[in-house]
PDB file of N, CA and C in Angstrom:
ATOM      1  N   MET A   1       0.850  -1.182   0.000  1.00  0.00           N
ATOM      2  CA  MET A   1       0.000   0.000   0.000  1.00  0.00           C
ATOM      3  C   MET A   1       0.892   1.239   0.000  1.00  0.00           C
ATOM      4  N   ASN A   2       0.522   2.216  -0.836  1.00  0.00           N
ATOM      5  CA  ASN A   2       1.266   3.459  -0.902  1.00  0.00           C
ATOM      6  C   ASN A   2       1.179   4.212   0.428  1.00  0.00           C
ATOM      7  N   PRO A   3       2.255   4.886   0.825  1.00  0.00           N
ATOM      8  CA  PRO A   3       2.201   5.681   2.054  1.00  0.00           C
ATOM      9  C   PRO A   3       1.296   6.899   1.867  1.00  0.00           C
ATOM     10  N   VAL A   4       0.694   7.318   2.972  1.00  0.00           N
ATOM     11  CA  VAL A   4      -0.202   8.475   2.951  1.00  0.00           C
ATOM     12  C   VAL A   4       0.370   9.540   3.869  1.00  0.00           C
ATOM     13  N   LEU A   5       0.490  10.759   3.342  1.00  0.00           N
ATOM     14  CA  LEU A   5       0.924  11.913   4.122  1.00  0.00           C
ATOM     15  C   LEU A   5      -0.203  12.927   4.082  1.00  0.00           C
ATOM     16  N   MET A   6      -0.530  13.488   5.244  1.00  0.00           N
ATOM     17  CA  MET A   6      -1.602  14.474   5.299  1.00  0.00           C
ATOM     18  C   MET A   6      -1.151  15.675   6.108  1.00  0.00           C
ATOM     19  N   TYR A   7      -1.118  16.831   5.443  1.00  0.00           N
ATOM     20  CA  TYR A   7      -0.899  18.088   6.149  1.00  0.00           C
ATOM     21  C   TYR A   7      -2.229  18.445   6.802  1.00  0.00           C
ATOM     22  N   CYS A   8      -2.190  18.752   8.098  1.00  0.00           N
ATOM     23  CA  CYS A   8      -3.435  19.006   8.823  1.00  0.00           C
ATOM     24  C   CYS A   8      -3.178  19.989   9.964  1.00  0.00           C
ATOM     25  N   THR A   9      -4.228  20.275  10.708  1.00  0.00           N
ATOM     26  CA  THR A   9      -4.127  21.082  11.921  1.00  0.00           C
ATOM     27  C   THR A   9      -4.770  20.294  13.060  1.00  0.00           C
ATOM     28  N   GLY A  10      -4.554  20.784  14.268  1.00  0.00           N
ATOM     29  CA  GLY A  10      -5.079  20.091  15.440  1.00  0.00           C
ATOM     30  C   GLY A  10      -6.586  19.940  15.431  1.00  0.00           C
ATOM     31  N   TYR A  11      -7.293  20.973  14.977  1.00  0.00           N
ATOM     32  CA  TYR A  11      -8.749  20.876  14.873  1.00  0.00           C
ATOM     33  C   TYR A  11      -9.138  21.168  13.437  1.00  0.00           C
ATOM     34  N   CYS A  12      -9.592  20.143  12.750  1.00  0.00           N
ATOM     35  CA  CYS A  12      -9.972  20.297  11.344  1.00  0.00           C
ATOM     36  C   CYS A  12     -10.974  19.201  11.001  1.00  0.00           C
ATOM     37  N   PRO A  13     -12.258  19.541  10.905  1.00  0.00           N
ATOM     38  CA  PRO A  13     -13.254  18.516  10.597  1.00  0.00           C
ATOM     39  C   PRO A  13     -13.013  17.814   9.261  1.00  0.00           C
ATOM     40  N   TYR A  14     -12.508  18.541   8.262  1.00  0.00           N
ATOM     41  CA  TYR A  14     -12.238  17.910   6.969  1.00  0.00           C
ATOM     42  C   TYR A  14     -11.067  16.935   7.066  1.00  0.00           C
ATOM     43  N   CYS A  15     -10.088  17.249   7.912  1.00  0.00           N
ATOM     44  CA  CYS A  15      -8.980  16.317   8.154  1.00  0.00           C
ATOM     45  C   CYS A  15      -9.518  15.038   8.792  1.00  0.00           C
ATOM     46  N   ASN A  16     -10.417  15.200   9.749  1.00  0.00           N
ATOM     47  CA  ASN A  16     -11.022  14.038  10.410  1.00  0.00           C
ATOM     48  C   ASN A  16     -11.828  13.197   9.427  1.00  0.00           C
ATOM     49  N   MET A  17     -12.553  13.851   8.536  1.00  0.00           N
ATOM     50  CA  MET A  17     -13.344  13.117   7.544  1.00  0.00           C
ATOM     51  C   MET A  17     -12.422  12.388   6.564  1.00  0.00           C
ATOM     52  N   ALA A  18     -11.324  13.033   6.180  1.00  0.00           N
ATOM     53  CA  ALA A  18     -10.363  12.387   5.274  1.00  0.00           C
ATOM     54  C   ALA A  18      -9.750  11.165   5.946  1.00  0.00           C
ATOM     55  N   GLU A  19      -9.371  11.313   7.207  1.00  0.00           N
ATOM     56  CA  GLU A  19      -8.792  10.185   7.941  1.00  0.00           C
ATOM     57  C   GLU A  19      -9.796   9.037   8.053  1.00  0.00           C
ATOM     58  N   ALA A  20     -11.054   9.354   8.308  1.00  0.00           N
ATOM     59  CA  ALA A  20     -12.087   8.317   8.418  1.00  0.00           C
ATOM     60  C   ALA A  20     -12.281   7.592   7.085  1.00  0.00           C
ATOM     61  N   LEU A  21     -12.293   8.325   5.990  1.00  0.00           N
ATOM     62  CA  LEU A  21     -12.459   7.713   4.676  1.00  0.00           C
ATOM     63  C   LEU A  21     -11.266   6.811   4.354  1.00  0.00           C
ATOM     64  N   LEU A  22     -10.074   7.300   4.617  1.00  0.00           N
ATOM     65  CA  LEU A  22      -8.879   6.490   4.358  1.00  0.00           C
ATOM     66  C   LEU A  22      -8.878   5.231   5.216  1.00  0.00           C
ATOM     67  N   SER A  23      -9.285   5.375   6.454  1.00  0.00           N
ATOM     68  CA  SER A  23      -9.361   4.222   7.353  1.00  0.00           C
ATOM     69  C   SER A  23     -10.370   3.203   6.828  1.00  0.00           C
ATOM     70  N   LYS A  24     -11.499   3.696   6.350  1.00  0.00           N
ATOM     71  CA  LYS A  24     -12.534   2.828   5.778  1.00  0.00           C
ATOM     72  C   LYS A  24     -12.008   2.057   4.572  1.00  0.00           C
ATOM     73  N   ARG A  25     -11.040   2.636   3.882  1.00  0.00           N
ATOM     74  CA  ARG A  25     -10.445   1.999   2.701  1.00  0.00           C
ATOM     75  C   ARG A  25      -9.203   1.179   3.044  1.00  0.00           C
ATOM     76  N   GLY A  26      -8.949   0.977   4.342  1.00  0.00           N
ATOM     77  CA  GLY A  26      -7.883   0.068   4.752  1.00  0.00           C
ATOM     78  C   GLY A  26      -6.566   0.703   5.125  1.00  0.00           C
ATOM     79  N   VAL A  27      -6.484   2.018   5.115  1.00  0.00           N
ATOM     80  CA  VAL A  27      -5.238   2.690   5.493  1.00  0.00           C
ATOM     81  C   VAL A  27      -5.098   2.628   7.008  1.00  0.00           C
ATOM     82  N   THR A  28      -3.999   2.088   7.467  1.00  0.00           N
ATOM     83  CA  THR A  28      -3.777   1.945   8.910  1.00  0.00           C
ATOM     84  C   THR A  28      -2.761   2.942   9.447  1.00  0.00           C
ATOM     85  N   SER A  29      -2.032   3.606   8.554  1.00  0.00           N
ATOM     86  CA  SER A  29      -1.008   4.548   8.998  1.00  0.00           C
ATOM     87  C   SER A  29      -1.006   5.773   8.099  1.00  0.00           C
ATOM     88  N   ILE A  30      -1.147   6.930   8.720  1.00  0.00           N
ATOM     89  CA  ILE A  30      -1.101   8.199   8.000  1.00  0.00           C
ATOM     90  C   ILE A  30      -0.028   9.046   8.663  1.00  0.00           C
ATOM     91  N   GLU A  31       0.918   9.530   7.874  1.00  0.00           N
ATOM     92  CA  GLU A  31       1.902  10.471   8.417  1.00  0.00           C
ATOM     93  C   GLU A  31       1.229  11.836   8.455  1.00  0.00           C
ATOM     94  N   LYS A  32       0.958  12.322   9.657  1.00  0.00           N
ATOM     95  CA  LYS A  32       0.283  13.606   9.812  1.00  0.00           C
ATOM     96  C   LYS A  32       1.317  14.683  10.113  1.00  0.00           C
ATOM     97  N   VAL A  33       1.226  15.770   9.367  1.00  0.00           N
ATOM     98  CA  VAL A  33       2.093  16.923   9.565  1.00  0.00           C
ATOM     99  C   VAL A  33       1.194  18.054  10.055  1.00  0.00           C
ATOM    100  N   PHE A  34       1.362  18.421  11.325  1.00  0.00           N
ATOM    101  CA  PHE A  34       0.523  19.453  11.928  1.00  0.00           C
ATOM    102  C   PHE A  34       1.129  20.828  11.658  1.00  0.00           C
ATOM    103  N   ILE A  35       0.590  21.506  10.647  1.00  0.00           N
ATOM    104  CA  ILE A  35       1.166  22.775  10.219  1.00  0.00           C
ATOM    105  C   ILE A  35       0.881  23.915  11.191  1.00  0.00           C
ATOM    106  N   ASP A  36      -0.065  23.716  12.114  1.00  0.00           N
ATOM    107  CA  ASP A  36      -0.317  24.754  13.111  1.00  0.00           C
ATOM    108  C   ASP A  36       0.725  24.696  14.231  1.00  0.00           C
ATOM    109  N   GLN A  37       1.505  23.647  14.274  1.00  0.00           N
ATOM    110  CA  GLN A  37       2.532  23.508  15.303  1.00  0.00           C
ATOM    111  C   GLN A  37       3.935  23.742  14.758  1.00  0.00           C
ATOM    112  N   ASP A  38       4.082  23.789  13.444  1.00  0.00           N
ATOM    113  CA  ASP A  38       5.394  23.919  12.821  1.00  0.00           C
ATOM    114  C   ASP A  38       5.281  24.813  11.592  1.00  0.00           C
ATOM    115  N   THR A  39       5.681  26.068  11.741  1.00  0.00           N
ATOM    116  CA  THR A  39       5.519  27.028  10.646  1.00  0.00           C
ATOM    117  C   THR A  39       6.369  26.665   9.430  1.00  0.00           C
ATOM    118  N   ALA A  40       7.505  26.033   9.651  1.00  0.00           N
ATOM    119  CA  ALA A  40       8.341  25.617   8.518  1.00  0.00           C
ATOM    120  C   ALA A  40       7.597  24.589   7.665  1.00  0.00           C
ATOM    121  N   ARG A  41       6.886  23.695   8.322  1.00  0.00           N
ATOM    122  CA  ARG A  41       6.122  22.679   7.571  1.00  0.00           C
ATOM    123  C   ARG A  41       4.924  23.315   6.858  1.00  0.00           C
ATOM    124  N   ARG A  42       4.351  24.383   7.448  1.00  0.00           N
ATOM    125  CA  ARG A  42       3.273  25.116   6.765  1.00  0.00           C
ATOM    126  C   ARG A  42       3.806  25.700   5.459  1.00  0.00           C
ATOM    127  N   THR A  43       4.975  26.309   5.538  1.00  0.00           N
ATOM    128  CA  THR A  43       5.603  26.875   4.346  1.00  0.00           C
ATOM    129  C   THR A  43       5.882  25.779   3.323  1.00  0.00           C
ATOM    130  N   GLU A  44       6.390  24.653   3.799  1.00  0.00           N
ATOM    131  CA  GLU A  44       6.641  23.505   2.922  1.00  0.00           C
ATOM    132  C   GLU A  44       5.366  23.082   2.199  1.00  0.00           C
ATOM    133  N   MET A  45       4.263  22.968   2.945  1.00  0.00           N
ATOM    134  CA  MET A  45       2.988  22.563   2.349  1.00  0.00           C
ATOM    135  C   MET A  45       2.562  23.550   1.267  1.00  0.00           C
ATOM    136  N   MET A  46       2.649  24.830   1.567  1.00  0.00           N
ATOM    137  CA  MET A  46       2.205  25.844   0.612  1.00  0.00           C
ATOM    138  C   MET A  46       3.084  25.845  -0.638  1.00  0.00           C
ATOM    139  N   GLU A  47       4.372  25.603  -0.484  1.00  0.00           N
ATOM    140  CA  GLU A  47       5.259  25.551  -1.647  1.00  0.00           C
ATOM    141  C   GLU A  47       5.000  24.296  -2.478  1.00  0.00           C
ATOM    142  N   ARG A  48       4.768  23.169  -1.829  1.00  0.00           N
ATOM    143  CA  ARG A  48       4.534  21.905  -2.548  1.00  0.00           C
ATOM    144  C   ARG A  48       3.192  21.890  -3.260  1.00  0.00           C
ATOM    145  N   THR A  49       2.159  22.368  -2.582  1.00  0.00           N
ATOM    146  CA  THR A  49       0.797  22.208  -3.103  1.00  0.00           C
ATOM    147  C   THR A  49       0.227  23.456  -3.767  1.00  0.00           C
ATOM    148  N   LYS A  50       0.853  24.601  -3.499  1.00  0.00           N
ATOM    149  CA  LYS A  50       0.326  25.896  -3.974  1.00  0.00           C
ATOM    150  C   LYS A  50      -1.048  26.188  -3.373  1.00  0.00           C
ATOM    151  N   ARG A  51      -1.319  25.592  -2.216  1.00  0.00           N
ATOM    152  CA  ARG A  51      -2.595  25.794  -1.517  1.00  0.00           C
ATOM    153  C   ARG A  51      -2.335  26.159  -0.064  1.00  0.00           C
ATOM    154  N   ARG A  52      -3.348  26.757   0.567  1.00  0.00           N
ATOM    155  CA  ARG A  52      -3.218  27.206   1.948  1.00  0.00           C
ATOM    156  C   ARG A  52      -4.121  26.450   2.915  1.00  0.00           C
ATOM    157  N   THR A  53      -5.038  25.652   2.395  1.00  0.00           N
ATOM    158  CA  THR A  53      -6.029  24.991   3.242  1.00  0.00           C
ATOM    159  C   THR A  53      -5.624  23.562   3.574  1.00  0.00           C
ATOM    160  N   VAL A  54      -6.184  23.055   4.654  1.00  0.00           N
ATOM    161  CA  VAL A  54      -5.960  21.670   5.042  1.00  0.00           C
ATOM    162  C   VAL A  54      -7.290  20.925   4.990  1.00  0.00           C
ATOM    163  N   PRO A  55      -7.252  19.635   4.792  1.00  0.00           N
ATOM    164  CA  PRO A  55      -6.054  18.830   4.628  1.00  0.00           C
ATOM    165  C   PRO A  55      -5.493  18.947   3.209  1.00  0.00           C
ATOM    166  N   GLN A  56      -4.212  18.660   3.088  1.00  0.00           N
ATOM    167  CA  GLN A  56      -3.570  18.439   1.798  1.00  0.00           C
ATOM    168  C   GLN A  56      -2.994  17.036   1.875  1.00  0.00           C
ATOM    169  N   ILE A  57      -3.425  16.178   0.991  1.00  0.00           N
ATOM    170  CA  ILE A  57      -3.142  14.748   1.092  1.00  0.00           C
ATOM    171  C   ILE A  57      -2.275  14.283  -0.072  1.00  0.00           C
ATOM    172  N   TYR A  58      -1.249  13.530   0.279  1.00  0.00           N
ATOM    173  CA  TYR A  58      -0.416  12.843  -0.704  1.00  0.00           C
ATOM    174  C   TYR A  58      -0.579  11.349  -0.501  1.00  0.00           C
ATOM    175  N   ILE A  59      -0.752  10.646  -1.589  1.00  0.00           N
ATOM    176  CA  ILE A  59      -0.738   9.184  -1.567  1.00  0.00           C
ATOM    177  C   ILE A  59       0.423   8.793  -2.470  1.00  0.00           C
ATOM    178  N   GLY A  60       1.445   8.209  -1.852  1.00  0.00           N
ATOM    179  CA  GLY A  60       2.685   7.995  -2.587  1.00  0.00           C
ATOM    180  C   GLY A  60       3.214   9.352  -3.012  1.00  0.00           C
ATOM    181  N   ASP A  61       3.532   9.513  -4.279  1.00  0.00           N
ATOM    182  CA  ASP A  61       4.032  10.792  -4.807  1.00  0.00           C
ATOM    183  C   ASP A  61       2.927  11.656  -5.396  1.00  0.00           C
ATOM    184  N   THR A  62       1.694  11.180  -5.333  1.00  0.00           N
ATOM    185  CA  THR A  62       0.567  11.875  -5.958  1.00  0.00           C
ATOM    186  C   THR A  62      -0.104  12.819  -4.976  1.00  0.00           C
ATOM    187  N   HIS A  63      -0.187  14.099  -5.345  1.00  0.00           N
ATOM    188  CA  HIS A  63      -0.927  15.072  -4.549  1.00  0.00           C
ATOM    189  C   HIS A  63      -2.407  14.936  -4.907  1.00  0.00           C
ATOM    190  N   VAL A  64      -3.173  14.433  -3.952  1.00  0.00           N
ATOM    191  CA  VAL A  64      -4.602  14.231  -4.161  1.00  0.00           C
ATOM    192  C   VAL A  64      -5.346  15.550  -4.036  1.00  0.00           C
ATOM    193  N   GLY A  65      -4.953  16.366  -3.074  1.00  0.00           N
ATOM    194  CA  GLY A  65      -5.650  17.611  -2.783  1.00  0.00           C
ATOM    195  C   GLY A  65      -6.262  17.517  -1.403  1.00  0.00           C
ATOM    196  N   GLY A  66      -7.442  18.088  -1.248  1.00  0.00           N
ATOM    197  CA  GLY A  66      -8.123  18.092   0.037  1.00  0.00           C
ATOM    198  C   GLY A  66      -9.165  16.991   0.140  1.00  0.00           C
ATOM    199  N   TYR A  67     -10.022  17.123   1.148  1.00  0.00           N
ATOM    200  CA  TYR A  67     -11.042  16.096   1.375  1.00  0.00           C
ATOM    201  C   TYR A  67     -11.979  15.954   0.182  1.00  0.00           C
ATOM    202  N   ASP A  68     -12.415  17.065  -0.392  1.00  0.00           N
ATOM    203  CA  ASP A  68     -13.362  16.988  -1.511  1.00  0.00           C
ATOM    204  C   ASP A  68     -12.787  16.184  -2.673  1.00  0.00           C
ATOM    205  N   GLU A  69     -11.517  16.414  -2.984  1.00  0.00           N
ATOM    206  CA  GLU A  69     -10.877  15.672  -4.074  1.00  0.00           C
ATOM    207  C   GLU A  69     -10.714  14.194  -3.708  1.00  0.00           C
ATOM    208  N   LEU A  70     -10.372  13.929  -2.447  1.00  0.00           N
ATOM    209  CA  LEU A  70     -10.232  12.552  -1.975  1.00  0.00           C
ATOM    210  C   LEU A  70     -11.563  11.805  -2.111  1.00  0.00           C
ATOM    211  N   ALA A  71     -12.643  12.431  -1.658  1.00  0.00           N
ATOM    212  CA  ALA A  71     -13.966  11.808  -1.732  1.00  0.00           C
ATOM    213  C   ALA A  71     -14.402  11.606  -3.186  1.00  0.00           C
ATOM    214  N   ALA A  72     -14.083  12.574  -4.049  1.00  0.00           N
ATOM    215  CA  ALA A  72     -14.432  12.449  -5.463  1.00  0.00           C
ATOM    216  C   ALA A  72     -13.672  11.289  -6.103  1.00  0.00           C
ATOM    217  N   MET A  73     -12.391  11.132  -5.750  1.00  0.00           N
ATOM    218  CA  MET A  73     -11.612   9.996  -6.266  1.00  0.00           C
ATOM    219  C   MET A  73     -12.233   8.684  -5.816  1.00  0.00           C
ATOM    220  N   ASP A  74     -12.679   8.639  -4.564  1.00  0.00           N
ATOM    221  CA  ASP A  74     -13.288   7.432  -4.037  1.00  0.00           C
ATOM    222  C   ASP A  74     -14.566   7.105  -4.799  1.00  0.00           C
ATOM    223  N   ARG A  75     -15.412   8.098  -4.996  1.00  0.00           N
ATOM    224  CA  ARG A  75     -16.673   7.882  -5.731  1.00  0.00           C
ATOM    225  C   ARG A  75     -16.423   7.427  -7.167  1.00  0.00           C
ATOM    226  N   ALA A  76     -15.329   7.898  -7.762  1.00  0.00           N
ATOM    227  CA  ALA A  76     -15.005   7.548  -9.151  1.00  0.00           C
ATOM    228  C   ALA A  76     -14.270   6.219  -9.269  1.00  0.00           C
ATOM    229  N   GLY A  77     -14.004   5.581  -8.126  1.00  0.00           N
ATOM    230  CA  GLY A  77     -13.307   4.305  -8.159  1.00  0.00           C
ATOM    231  C   GLY A  77     -11.806   4.419  -8.370  1.00  0.00           C
ATOM    232  N   GLN A  78     -11.248   5.609  -8.164  1.00  0.00           N
ATOM    233  CA  GLN A  78      -9.826   5.841  -8.404  1.00  0.00           C
ATOM    234  C   GLN A  78      -8.973   5.778  -7.137  1.00  0.00           C
ATOM    235  N   LEU A  79      -9.602   5.798  -5.976  1.00  0.00           N
ATOM    236  CA  LEU A  79      -8.835   5.858  -4.731  1.00  0.00           C
ATOM    237  C   LEU A  79      -8.140   4.545  -4.421  1.00  0.00           C
ATOM    238  N   MET A  80      -8.842   3.440  -4.488  1.00  0.00           N
ATOM    239  CA  MET A  80      -8.243   2.149  -4.133  1.00  0.00           C
ATOM    240  C   MET A  80      -7.060   1.792  -5.031  1.00  0.00           C
ATOM    241  N   PRO A  81      -7.159   1.957  -6.353  1.00  0.00           N
ATOM    242  CA  PRO A  81      -5.977   1.675  -7.180  1.00  0.00           C
ATOM    243  C   PRO A  81      -4.774   2.539  -6.793  1.00  0.00           C
ATOM    244  N   LEU A  82      -5.006   3.801  -6.456  1.00  0.00           N
ATOM    245  CA  LEU A  82      -3.905   4.678  -6.042  1.00  0.00           C
ATOM    246  C   LEU A  82      -3.316   4.196  -4.720  1.00  0.00           C
ATOM    247  N   LEU A  83      -4.173   3.859  -3.758  1.00  0.00           N
ATOM    248  CA  LEU A  83      -3.686   3.355  -2.474  1.00  0.00           C
ATOM    249  C   LEU A  83      -2.893   2.066  -2.658  1.00  0.00           C
ATOM    250  N   GLU A  84      -3.360   1.216  -3.556  1.00  0.00           N
ATOM    251  CA  GLU A  84      -2.730  -0.082  -3.777  1.00  0.00           C
ATOM    252  C   GLU A  84      -1.509  -0.009  -4.694  1.00  0.00           C
ATOM    253  N   GLY A  85      -1.205   1.193  -5.185  1.00  0.00           N
ATOM    254  CA  GLY A  85      -0.043   1.342  -6.047  1.00  0.00           C
ATOM    255  C   GLY A  85      -0.286   0.912  -7.473  1.00  0.00           C
ATOM    256  N   LYS A  86      -1.543   0.877  -7.864  1.00  0.00           N
ATOM    257  CA  LYS A  86      -1.903   0.479  -9.235  1.00  0.00           C
ATOM    258  C   LYS A  86      -2.283   1.681 -10.087  1.00  0.00           C
ATOM    259  N   ASP A  87      -1.772   2.828  -9.699  1.00  0.00           N
ATOM    260  CA  ASP A  87      -2.097   4.061 -10.429  1.00  0.00           C
ATOM    261  C   ASP A  87      -1.304   4.080 -11.683  1.00  0.00           C
TER     262      ASP A  87
END
């Protein structure tokens, strides 16, 4: 299974929803980067993604985007192949 990295904050309902969806799809480990606790990592996120909002999710080397994009990938049947490395 591809590794999952999620830029998030301590309180973020969309981050929680993304984590729940990933868990439902079998993800047992998410590397969480709390950008509200580390300003350097916030800058890193903004430079990598060109976005300011959380969550920002990477599956393997693929930038998925936020929760809405993650959920849309799931509905389209594209999430599991990406998680399984069949992208």
